[in-house]
Amino acid sequence: MTSREAYVEKMKAKLDEWNASIARLEARAEGAGADMKDEINNEIGRIKKYRDEASSRIKDVQSAGDDAWEDFKTGIEKSWETLGEAFNSAMSRFE
């Protein structure tokens, strides 16, 4: 396995973790009161936006040429950082 393939697999595994976190937040929203439900759902929408961006970055890395993937790595790492911060913020507020 190349370093790029290993990197993509690592990012896919993290994306799976974040998807599970989204599912937990969605379940929490279902059992919340109306005001809290709206707040959680707004946060979920924000997190999904970041998740979709990170997923797109994975596709960029996968389709990049062997020499160009390192350039994409910098961009995806910023997306992961932003997404991770959003998750940490949401999870700490609603768990």
PDB file of N, CA and C in Angstrom:
ATOM      1  N   MET A   1       0.854  -1.171   0.000  1.00  0.00           N
ATOM      2  CA  MET A   1       0.000   0.000   0.000  1.00  0.00           C
ATOM      3  C   MET A   1       0.903   1.238   0.000  1.00  0.00           C
ATOM      4  N   THR A   2       0.590   2.170  -0.885  1.00  0.00           N
ATOM      5  CA  THR A   2       1.375   3.402  -0.951  1.00  0.00           C
ATOM      6  C   THR A   2       1.004   4.322   0.205  1.00  0.00           C
ATOM      7  N   SER A   3       1.817   5.326   0.416  1.00  0.00           N
ATOM      8  CA  SER A   3       1.512   6.273   1.495  1.00  0.00           C
ATOM      9  C   SER A   3       0.216   7.031   1.202  1.00  0.00           C
ATOM     10  N   ARG A   4      -0.058   7.281  -0.061  1.00  0.00           N
ATOM     11  CA  ARG A   4      -1.315   7.951  -0.402  1.00  0.00           C
ATOM     12  C   ARG A   4      -2.494   7.053  -0.072  1.00  0.00           C
ATOM     13  N   GLU A   5      -2.428   5.779  -0.440  1.00  0.00           N
ATOM     14  CA  GLU A   5      -3.526   4.855  -0.139  1.00  0.00           C
ATOM     15  C   GLU A   5      -3.739   4.733   1.367  1.00  0.00           C
ATOM     16  N   ALA A   6      -2.653   4.662   2.107  1.00  0.00           N
ATOM     17  CA  ALA A   6      -2.754   4.577   3.566  1.00  0.00           C
ATOM     18  C   ALA A   6      -3.383   5.844   4.130  1.00  0.00           C
ATOM     19  N   TYR A   7      -2.993   6.972   3.577  1.00  0.00           N
ATOM     20  CA  TYR A   7      -3.540   8.252   4.023  1.00  0.00           C
ATOM     21  C   TYR A   7      -5.041   8.316   3.748  1.00  0.00           C
ATOM     22  N   VAL A   8      -5.448   7.905   2.559  1.00  0.00           N
ATOM     23  CA  VAL A   8      -6.871   7.914   2.190  1.00  0.00           C
ATOM     24  C   VAL A   8      -7.654   6.977   3.109  1.00  0.00           C
ATOM     25  N   GLU A   9      -7.128   5.800   3.371  1.00  0.00           N
ATOM     26  CA  GLU A   9      -7.816   4.861   4.261  1.00  0.00           C
ATOM     27  C   GLU A   9      -7.960   5.435   5.669  1.00  0.00           C
ATOM     28  N   LYS A  10      -6.937   6.092   6.149  1.00  0.00           N
ATOM     29  CA  LYS A  10      -6.987   6.730   7.468  1.00  0.00           C
ATOM     30  C   LYS A  10      -8.076   7.811   7.504  1.00  0.00           C
ATOM     31  N   MET A  11      -8.152   8.610   6.449  1.00  0.00           N
ATOM     32  CA  MET A  11      -9.155   9.680   6.390  1.00  0.00           C
ATOM     33  C   MET A  11     -10.564   9.101   6.247  1.00  0.00           C
ATOM     34  N   LYS A  12     -10.709   8.022   5.503  1.00  0.00           N
ATOM     35  CA  LYS A  12     -12.020   7.378   5.374  1.00  0.00           C
ATOM     36  C   LYS A  12     -12.484   6.820   6.717  1.00  0.00           C
ATOM     37  N   ALA A  13     -11.563   6.257   7.471  1.00  0.00           N
ATOM     38  CA  ALA A  13     -11.909   5.730   8.798  1.00  0.00           C
ATOM     39  C   ALA A  13     -12.357   6.860   9.716  1.00  0.00           C
ATOM     40  N   LYS A  14     -11.675   7.992   9.640  1.00  0.00           N
ATOM     41  CA  LYS A  14     -12.064   9.151  10.461  1.00  0.00           C
ATOM     42  C   LYS A  14     -13.428   9.665  10.016  1.00  0.00           C
ATOM     43  N   LEU A  15     -13.673   9.684   8.735  1.00  0.00           N
ATOM     44  CA  LEU A  15     -14.970  10.113   8.214  1.00  0.00           C
ATOM     45  C   LEU A  15     -16.075   9.196   8.727  1.00  0.00           C
ATOM     46  N   ASP A  16     -15.811   7.900   8.792  1.00  0.00           N
ATOM     47  CA  ASP A  16     -16.787   6.950   9.341  1.00  0.00           C
ATOM     48  C   ASP A  16     -17.076   7.263  10.808  1.00  0.00           C
ATOM     49  N   GLU A  17     -16.050   7.608  11.567  1.00  0.00           N
ATOM     50  CA  GLU A  17     -16.243   7.991  12.973  1.00  0.00           C
ATOM     51  C   GLU A  17     -17.128   9.222  13.069  1.00  0.00           C
ATOM     52  N   TRP A  18     -16.867  10.208  12.205  1.00  0.00           N
ATOM     53  CA  TRP A  18     -17.665  11.425  12.237  1.00  0.00           C
ATOM     54  C   TRP A  18     -19.106  11.160  11.819  1.00  0.00           C
ATOM     55  N   ASN A  19     -19.301  10.264  10.867  1.00  0.00           N
ATOM     56  CA  ASN A  19     -20.665   9.903  10.480  1.00  0.00           C
ATOM     57  C   ASN A  19     -21.411   9.260  11.648  1.00  0.00           C
ATOM     58  N   ALA A  20     -20.721   8.444  12.418  1.00  0.00           N
ATOM     59  CA  ALA A  20     -21.335   7.845  13.602  1.00  0.00           C
ATOM     60  C   ALA A  20     -21.676   8.922  14.632  1.00  0.00           C
ATOM     61  N   SER A  21     -20.822   9.917  14.759  1.00  0.00           N
ATOM     62  CA  SER A  21     -21.095  11.024  15.679  1.00  0.00           C
ATOM     63  C   SER A  21     -22.315  11.823  15.227  1.00  0.00           C
ATOM     64  N   ILE A  22     -22.437  12.030  13.927  1.00  0.00           N
ATOM     65  CA  ILE A  22     -23.610  12.722  13.387  1.00  0.00           C
ATOM     66  C   ILE A  22     -24.863  11.931  13.727  1.00  0.00           C
ATOM     67  N   ALA A  23     -24.802  10.629  13.552  1.00  0.00           N
ATOM     68  CA  ALA A  23     -25.959   9.783  13.849  1.00  0.00           C
ATOM     69  C   ALA A  23     -26.345   9.899  15.330  1.00  0.00           C
ATOM     70  N   ARG A  24     -25.351   9.961  16.218  1.00  0.00           N
ATOM     71  CA  ARG A  24     -25.654  10.122  17.650  1.00  0.00           C
ATOM     72  C   ARG A  24     -26.311  11.472  17.924  1.00  0.00           C
ATOM     73  N   LEU A  25     -25.816  12.518  17.270  1.00  0.00           N
ATOM     74  CA  LEU A  25     -26.437  13.834  17.441  1.00  0.00           C
ATOM     75  C   LEU A  25     -27.861  13.843  16.897  1.00  0.00           C
ATOM     76  N   GLU A  26     -28.080  13.188  15.774  1.00  0.00           N
ATOM     77  CA  GLU A  26     -29.428  13.118  15.202  1.00  0.00           C
ATOM     78  C   GLU A  26     -30.371  12.392  16.156  1.00  0.00           C
ATOM     79  N   ALA A  27     -29.892  11.330  16.772  1.00  0.00           N
ATOM     80  CA  ALA A  27     -30.711  10.597  17.743  1.00  0.00           C
ATOM     81  C   ALA A  27     -31.016  11.477  18.948  1.00  0.00           C
ATOM     82  N   ARG A  28     -30.026  12.235  19.382  1.00  0.00           N
ATOM     83  CA  ARG A  28     -30.225  13.140  20.514  1.00  0.00           C
ATOM     84  C   ARG A  28     -31.261  14.216  20.163  1.00  0.00           C
ATOM     85  N   ALA A  29     -31.224  14.706  18.938  1.00  0.00           N
ATOM     86  CA  ALA A  29     -32.172  15.731  18.499  1.00  0.00           C
ATOM     87  C   ALA A  29     -33.600  15.199  18.531  1.00  0.00           C
ATOM     88  N   GLU A  30     -33.753  13.940  18.161  1.00  0.00           N
ATOM     89  CA  GLU A  30     -35.092  13.342  18.145  1.00  0.00           C
ATOM     90  C   GLU A  30     -35.735  13.351  19.531  1.00  0.00           C
ATOM     91  N   GLY A  31     -34.931  13.190  20.561  1.00  0.00           N
ATOM     92  CA  GLY A  31     -35.473  13.133  21.909  1.00  0.00           C
ATOM     93  C   GLY A  31     -35.479  14.464  22.639  1.00  0.00           C
ATOM     94  N   ALA A  32     -35.038  15.512  21.967  1.00  0.00           N
ATOM     95  CA  ALA A  32     -34.926  16.821  22.614  1.00  0.00           C
ATOM     96  C   ALA A  32     -36.208  17.625  22.468  1.00  0.00           C
ATOM     97  N   GLY A  33     -36.333  18.631  23.320  1.00  0.00           N
ATOM     98  CA  GLY A  33     -37.441  19.577  23.188  1.00  0.00           C
ATOM     99  C   GLY A  33     -37.278  20.401  21.926  1.00  0.00           C
ATOM    100  N   ALA A  34     -38.311  21.133  21.561  1.00  0.00           N
ATOM    101  CA  ALA A  34     -38.337  21.862  20.285  1.00  0.00           C
ATOM    102  C   ALA A  34     -37.165  22.824  20.133  1.00  0.00           C
ATOM    103  N   ASP A  35     -36.901  23.642  21.142  1.00  0.00           N
ATOM    104  CA  ASP A  35     -35.812  24.615  21.033  1.00  0.00           C
ATOM    105  C   ASP A  35     -34.454  23.921  20.906  1.00  0.00           C
ATOM    106  N   MET A  36     -34.233  22.930  21.754  1.00  0.00           N
ATOM    107  CA  MET A  36     -32.964  22.208  21.717  1.00  0.00           C
ATOM    108  C   MET A  36     -32.838  21.426  20.418  1.00  0.00           C
ATOM    109  N   LYS A  37     -33.937  20.878  19.946  1.00  0.00           N
ATOM    110  CA  LYS A  37     -33.925  20.126  18.686  1.00  0.00           C
ATOM    111  C   LYS A  37     -33.478  21.028  17.537  1.00  0.00           C
ATOM    112  N   ASP A  38     -34.011  22.233  17.494  1.00  0.00           N
ATOM    113  CA  ASP A  38     -33.623  23.181  16.447  1.00  0.00           C
ATOM    114  C   ASP A  38     -32.138  23.510  16.539  1.00  0.00           C
ATOM    115  N   GLU A  39     -31.659  23.726  17.750  1.00  0.00           N
ATOM    116  CA  GLU A  39     -30.252  24.057  17.948  1.00  0.00           C
ATOM    117  C   GLU A  39     -29.350  22.902  17.509  1.00  0.00           C
ATOM    118  N   ILE A  40     -29.707  21.698  17.904  1.00  0.00           N
ATOM    119  CA  ILE A  40     -28.914  20.520  17.517  1.00  0.00           C
ATOM    120  C   ILE A  40     -28.953  20.326  16.003  1.00  0.00           C
ATOM    121  N   ASN A  41     -30.124  20.467  15.409  1.00  0.00           N
ATOM    122  CA  ASN A  41     -30.242  20.280  13.962  1.00  0.00           C
ATOM    123  C   ASN A  41     -29.452  21.334  13.195  1.00  0.00           C
ATOM    124  N   ASN A  42     -29.401  22.557  13.696  1.00  0.00           N
ATOM    125  CA  ASN A  42     -28.579  23.592  13.066  1.00  0.00           C
ATOM    126  C   ASN A  42     -27.105  23.196  13.121  1.00  0.00           C
ATOM    127  N   GLU A  43     -26.687  22.694  14.261  1.00  0.00           N
ATOM    128  CA  GLU A  43     -25.301  22.255  14.426  1.00  0.00           C
ATOM    129  C   GLU A  43     -25.002  21.072  13.508  1.00  0.00           C
ATOM    130  N   ILE A  44     -25.935  20.148  13.406  1.00  0.00           N
ATOM    131  CA  ILE A  44     -25.765  18.995  12.514  1.00  0.00           C
ATOM    132  C   ILE A  44     -25.595  19.467  11.070  1.00  0.00           C
ATOM    133  N   GLY A  45     -26.395  20.429  10.657  1.00  0.00           N
ATOM    134  CA  GLY A  45     -26.275  20.967   9.297  1.00  0.00           C
ATOM    135  C   GLY A  45     -24.897  21.555   9.038  1.00  0.00           C
ATOM    136  N   ARG A  46     -24.372  22.272  10.025  1.00  0.00           N
ATOM    137  CA  ARG A  46     -23.043  22.866   9.899  1.00  0.00           C
ATOM    138  C   ARG A  46     -21.977  21.771   9.801  1.00  0.00           C
ATOM    139  N   ILE A  47     -22.105  20.752  10.635  1.00  0.00           N
ATOM    140  CA  ILE A  47     -21.140  19.662  10.644  1.00  0.00           C
ATOM    141  C   ILE A  47     -21.191  18.884   9.325  1.00  0.00           C
ATOM    142  N   LYS A  48     -22.392  18.657   8.818  1.00  0.00           N
ATOM    143  CA  LYS A  48     -22.520  17.927   7.555  1.00  0.00           C
ATOM    144  C   LYS A  48     -21.855  18.685   6.410  1.00  0.00           C
ATOM    145  N   LYS A  49     -21.920  20.003   6.459  1.00  0.00           N
ATOM    146  CA  LYS A  49     -21.260  20.815   5.433  1.00  0.00           C
ATOM    147  C   LYS A  49     -19.756  20.563   5.460  1.00  0.00           C
ATOM    148  N   TYR A  50     -19.177  20.572   6.644  1.00  0.00           N
ATOM    149  CA  TYR A  50     -17.749  20.303   6.778  1.00  0.00           C
ATOM    150  C   TYR A  50     -17.417  18.869   6.373  1.00  0.00           C
ATOM    151  N   ARG A  51     -18.281  17.935   6.757  1.00  0.00           N
ATOM    152  CA  ARG A  51     -18.059  16.536   6.409  1.00  0.00           C
ATOM    153  C   ARG A  51     -18.053  16.357   4.891  1.00  0.00           C
ATOM    154  N   ASP A  52     -18.995  17.003   4.229  1.00  0.00           N
ATOM    155  CA  ASP A  52     -19.071  16.894   2.774  1.00  0.00           C
ATOM    156  C   ASP A  52     -17.830  17.485   2.112  1.00  0.00           C
ATOM    157  N   GLU A  53     -17.334  18.580   2.672  1.00  0.00           N
ATOM    158  CA  GLU A  53     -16.106  19.184   2.154  1.00  0.00           C
ATOM    159  C   GLU A  53     -14.923  18.227   2.335  1.00  0.00           C
ATOM    160  N   ALA A  54     -14.835  17.617   3.492  1.00  0.00           N
ATOM    161  CA  ALA A  54     -13.751  16.676   3.753  1.00  0.00           C
ATOM    162  C   ALA A  54     -13.852  15.469   2.820  1.00  0.00           C
ATOM    163  N   SER A  55     -15.061  14.990   2.596  1.00  0.00           N
ATOM    164  CA  SER A  55     -15.269  13.867   1.687  1.00  0.00           C
ATOM    165  C   SER A  55     -14.826  14.230   0.271  1.00  0.00           C
ATOM    166  N   SER A  56     -15.120  15.444  -0.127  1.00  0.00           N
ATOM    167  CA  SER A  56     -14.699  15.919  -1.444  1.00  0.00           C
ATOM    168  C   SER A  56     -13.176  15.968  -1.539  1.00  0.00           C
ATOM    169  N   ARG A  57     -12.544  16.368  -0.461  1.00  0.00           N
ATOM    170  CA  ARG A  57     -11.077  16.417  -0.443  1.00  0.00           C
ATOM    171  C   ARG A  57     -10.487  15.015  -0.592  1.00  0.00           C
ATOM    172  N   ILE A  58     -11.121  14.026   0.005  1.00  0.00           N
ATOM    173  CA  ILE A  58     -10.642  12.645  -0.152  1.00  0.00           C
ATOM    174  C   ILE A  58     -10.673  12.265  -1.629  1.00  0.00           C
ATOM    175  N   LYS A  59     -11.767  12.606  -2.295  1.00  0.00           N
ATOM    176  CA  LYS A  59     -11.877  12.297  -3.726  1.00  0.00           C
ATOM    177  C   LYS A  59     -10.792  13.007  -4.525  1.00  0.00           C
ATOM    178  N   ASP A  60     -10.484  14.254  -4.123  1.00  0.00           N
ATOM    179  CA  ASP A  60      -9.410  14.992  -4.799  1.00  0.00           C
ATOM    180  C   ASP A  60      -8.077  14.259  -4.660  1.00  0.00           C
ATOM    181  N   VAL A  61      -7.789  13.797  -3.456  1.00  0.00           N
ATOM    182  CA  VAL A  61      -6.535  13.079  -3.212  1.00  0.00           C
ATOM    183  C   VAL A  61      -6.500  11.800  -4.040  1.00  0.00           C
ATOM    184  N   GLN A  62      -7.619  11.086  -4.090  1.00  0.00           N
ATOM    185  CA  GLN A  62      -7.670   9.824  -4.833  1.00  0.00           C
ATOM    186  C   GLN A  62      -7.466  10.030  -6.328  1.00  0.00           C
ATOM    187  N   SER A  63      -7.991  11.127  -6.858  1.00  0.00           N
ATOM    188  CA  SER A  63      -7.907  11.336  -8.305  1.00  0.00           C
ATOM    189  C   SER A  63      -6.662  12.112  -8.725  1.00  0.00           C
ATOM    190  N   ALA A  64      -5.928  12.648  -7.786  1.00  0.00           N
ATOM    191  CA  ALA A  64      -4.729  13.422  -8.103  1.00  0.00           C
ATOM    192  C   ALA A  64      -3.633  12.503  -8.624  1.00  0.00           C
ATOM    193  N   GLY A  65      -2.799  13.043  -9.454  1.00  0.00           N
ATOM    194  CA  GLY A  65      -1.645  12.293  -9.930  1.00  0.00           C
ATOM    195  C   GLY A  65      -0.685  12.010  -8.787  1.00  0.00           C
ATOM    196  N   ASP A  66       0.214  11.092  -9.029  1.00  0.00           N
ATOM    197  CA  ASP A  66       1.151  10.695  -7.986  1.00  0.00           C
ATOM    198  C   ASP A  66       1.948  11.874  -7.440  1.00  0.00           C
ATOM    199  N   ASP A  67       2.311  12.797  -8.278  1.00  0.00           N
ATOM    200  CA  ASP A  67       3.103  13.936  -7.830  1.00  0.00           C
ATOM    201  C   ASP A  67       2.253  15.027  -7.178  1.00  0.00           C
ATOM    202  N   ALA A  68       0.977  15.107  -7.542  1.00  0.00           N
ATOM    203  CA  ALA A  68       0.132  16.204  -7.059  1.00  0.00           C
ATOM    204  C   ALA A  68      -0.571  15.913  -5.738  1.00  0.00           C
ATOM    205  N   TRP A  69      -0.649  14.669  -5.319  1.00  0.00           N
ATOM    206  CA  TRP A  69      -1.457  14.354  -4.147  1.00  0.00           C
ATOM    207  C   TRP A  69      -0.934  15.016  -2.889  1.00  0.00           C
ATOM    208  N   GLU A  70       0.368  15.230  -2.807  1.00  0.00           N
ATOM    209  CA  GLU A  70       0.940  15.899  -1.631  1.00  0.00           C
ATOM    210  C   GLU A  70       0.380  17.314  -1.492  1.00  0.00           C
ATOM    211  N   ASP A  71       0.130  17.981  -2.635  1.00  0.00           N
ATOM    212  CA  ASP A  71      -0.465  19.321  -2.595  1.00  0.00           C
ATOM    213  C   ASP A  71      -1.870  19.267  -2.017  1.00  0.00           C
ATOM    214  N   PHE A  72      -2.636  18.255  -2.372  1.00  0.00           N
ATOM    215  CA  PHE A  72      -3.990  18.099  -1.851  1.00  0.00           C
ATOM    216  C   PHE A  72      -3.981  17.764  -0.365  1.00  0.00           C
ATOM    217  N   LYS A  73      -2.939  17.099   0.064  1.00  0.00           N
ATOM    218  CA  LYS A  73      -2.840  16.685   1.465  1.00  0.00           C
ATOM    219  C   LYS A  73      -2.925  17.892   2.400  1.00  0.00           C
ATOM    220  N   THR A  74      -2.296  18.986   2.050  1.00  0.00           N
ATOM    221  CA  THR A  74      -2.345  20.191   2.867  1.00  0.00           C
ATOM    222  C   THR A  74      -3.772  20.715   2.981  1.00  0.00           C
ATOM    223  N   GLY A  75      -4.490  20.747   1.869  1.00  0.00           N
ATOM    224  CA  GLY A  75      -5.872  21.219   1.879  1.00  0.00           C
ATOM    225  C   GLY A  75      -6.790  20.326   2.685  1.00  0.00           C
ATOM    226  N   ILE A  76      -6.625  19.036   2.533  1.00  0.00           N
ATOM    227  CA  ILE A  76      -7.498  18.114   3.258  1.00  0.00           C
ATOM    228  C   ILE A  76      -7.216  18.177   4.756  1.00  0.00           C
ATOM    229  N   GLU A  77      -5.979  18.365   5.135  1.00  0.00           N
ATOM    230  CA  GLU A  77      -5.663  18.457   6.555  1.00  0.00           C
ATOM    231  C   GLU A  77      -6.349  19.662   7.194  1.00  0.00           C
ATOM    232  N   LYS A  78      -6.453  20.762   6.465  1.00  0.00           N
ATOM    233  CA  LYS A  78      -7.175  21.937   6.977  1.00  0.00           C
ATOM    234  C   LYS A  78      -8.662  21.623   7.108  1.00  0.00           C
ATOM    235  N   SER A  79      -9.229  20.920   6.132  1.00  0.00           N
ATOM    236  CA  SER A  79     -10.635  20.528   6.215  1.00  0.00           C
ATOM    237  C   SER A  79     -10.874  19.631   7.418  1.00  0.00           C
ATOM    238  N   TRP A  80      -9.981  18.666   7.632  1.00  0.00           N
ATOM    239  CA  TRP A  80     -10.122  17.755   8.769  1.00  0.00           C
ATOM    240  C   TRP A  80     -10.046  18.522  10.076  1.00  0.00           C
ATOM    241  N   GLU A  81      -9.143  19.486  10.149  1.00  0.00           N
ATOM    242  CA  GLU A  81      -8.998  20.273  11.375  1.00  0.00           C
ATOM    243  C   GLU A  81     -10.280  21.043  11.670  1.00  0.00           C
ATOM    244  N   THR A  82     -10.836  21.691  10.657  1.00  0.00           N
ATOM    245  CA  THR A  82     -12.073  22.454  10.816  1.00  0.00           C
ATOM    246  C   THR A  82     -13.221  21.534  11.213  1.00  0.00           C
ATOM    247  N   LEU A  83     -13.321  20.404  10.559  1.00  0.00           N
ATOM    248  CA  LEU A  83     -14.377  19.444  10.856  1.00  0.00           C
ATOM    249  C   LEU A  83     -14.220  18.894  12.265  1.00  0.00           C
ATOM    250  N   GLY A  84     -13.010  18.564  12.630  1.00  0.00           N
ATOM    251  CA  GLY A  84     -12.758  18.052  13.974  1.00  0.00           C
ATOM    252  C   GLY A  84     -13.147  19.056  15.044  1.00  0.00           C
ATOM    253  N   GLU A  85     -12.836  20.323  14.821  1.00  0.00           N
ATOM    254  CA  GLU A  85     -13.219  21.368  15.772  1.00  0.00           C
ATOM    255  C   GLU A  85     -14.737  21.497  15.862  1.00  0.00           C
ATOM    256  N   ALA A  86     -15.418  21.423  14.725  1.00  0.00           N
ATOM    257  CA  ALA A  86     -16.876  21.507  14.719  1.00  0.00           C
ATOM    258  C   ALA A  86     -17.487  20.337  15.477  1.00  0.00           C
ATOM    259  N   PHE A  87     -16.971  19.144  15.244  1.00  0.00           N
ATOM    260  CA  PHE A  87     -17.465  17.977  15.969  1.00  0.00           C
ATOM    261  C   PHE A  87     -17.216  18.099  17.460  1.00  0.00           C
ATOM    262  N   ASN A  88     -16.011  18.468  17.816  1.00  0.00           N
ATOM    263  CA  ASN A  88     -15.693  18.587  19.243  1.00  0.00           C
ATOM    264  C   ASN A  88     -16.600  19.599  19.926  1.00  0.00           C
ATOM    265  N   SER A  89     -16.841  20.708  19.257  1.00  0.00           N
ATOM    266  CA  SER A  89     -17.721  21.736  19.806  1.00  0.00           C
ATOM    267  C   SER A  89     -19.145  21.204  19.967  1.00  0.00           C
ATOM    268  N   ALA A  90     -19.658  20.587  18.932  1.00  0.00           N
ATOM    269  CA  ALA A  90     -21.035  20.067  18.973  1.00  0.00           C
ATOM    270  C   ALA A  90     -21.180  18.957  19.990  1.00  0.00           C
ATOM    271  N   MET A  91     -20.239  18.041  19.983  1.00  0.00           N
ATOM    272  CA  MET A  91     -20.350  16.908  20.877  1.00  0.00           C
ATOM    273  C   MET A  91     -20.251  17.345  22.345  1.00  0.00           C
ATOM    274  N   SER A  92     -19.400  18.318  22.606  1.00  0.00           N
ATOM    275  CA  SER A  92     -19.270  18.768  23.998  1.00  0.00           C
ATOM    276  C   SER A  92     -20.523  19.521  24.451  1.00  0.00           C
ATOM    277  N   ARG A  93     -21.207  20.149  23.527  1.00  0.00           N
ATOM    278  CA  ARG A  93     -22.423  20.897  23.878  1.00  0.00           C
ATOM    279  C   ARG A  93     -23.632  20.003  24.046  1.00  0.00           C
ATOM    280  N   PHE A  94     -23.696  18.906  23.302  1.00  0.00           N
ATOM    281  CA  PHE A  94     -24.927  18.129  23.251  1.00  0.00           C
ATOM    282  C   PHE A  94     -24.829  16.718  23.800  1.00  0.00           C
ATOM    283  N   GLU A  95     -23.652  16.287  24.217  1.00  0.00           N
ATOM    284  CA  GLU A  95     -23.556  14.935  24.768  1.00  0.00           C
ATOM    285  C   GLU A  95     -23.681  14.961  26.273  1.00  0.00           C
TER     286      GLU A  95
END
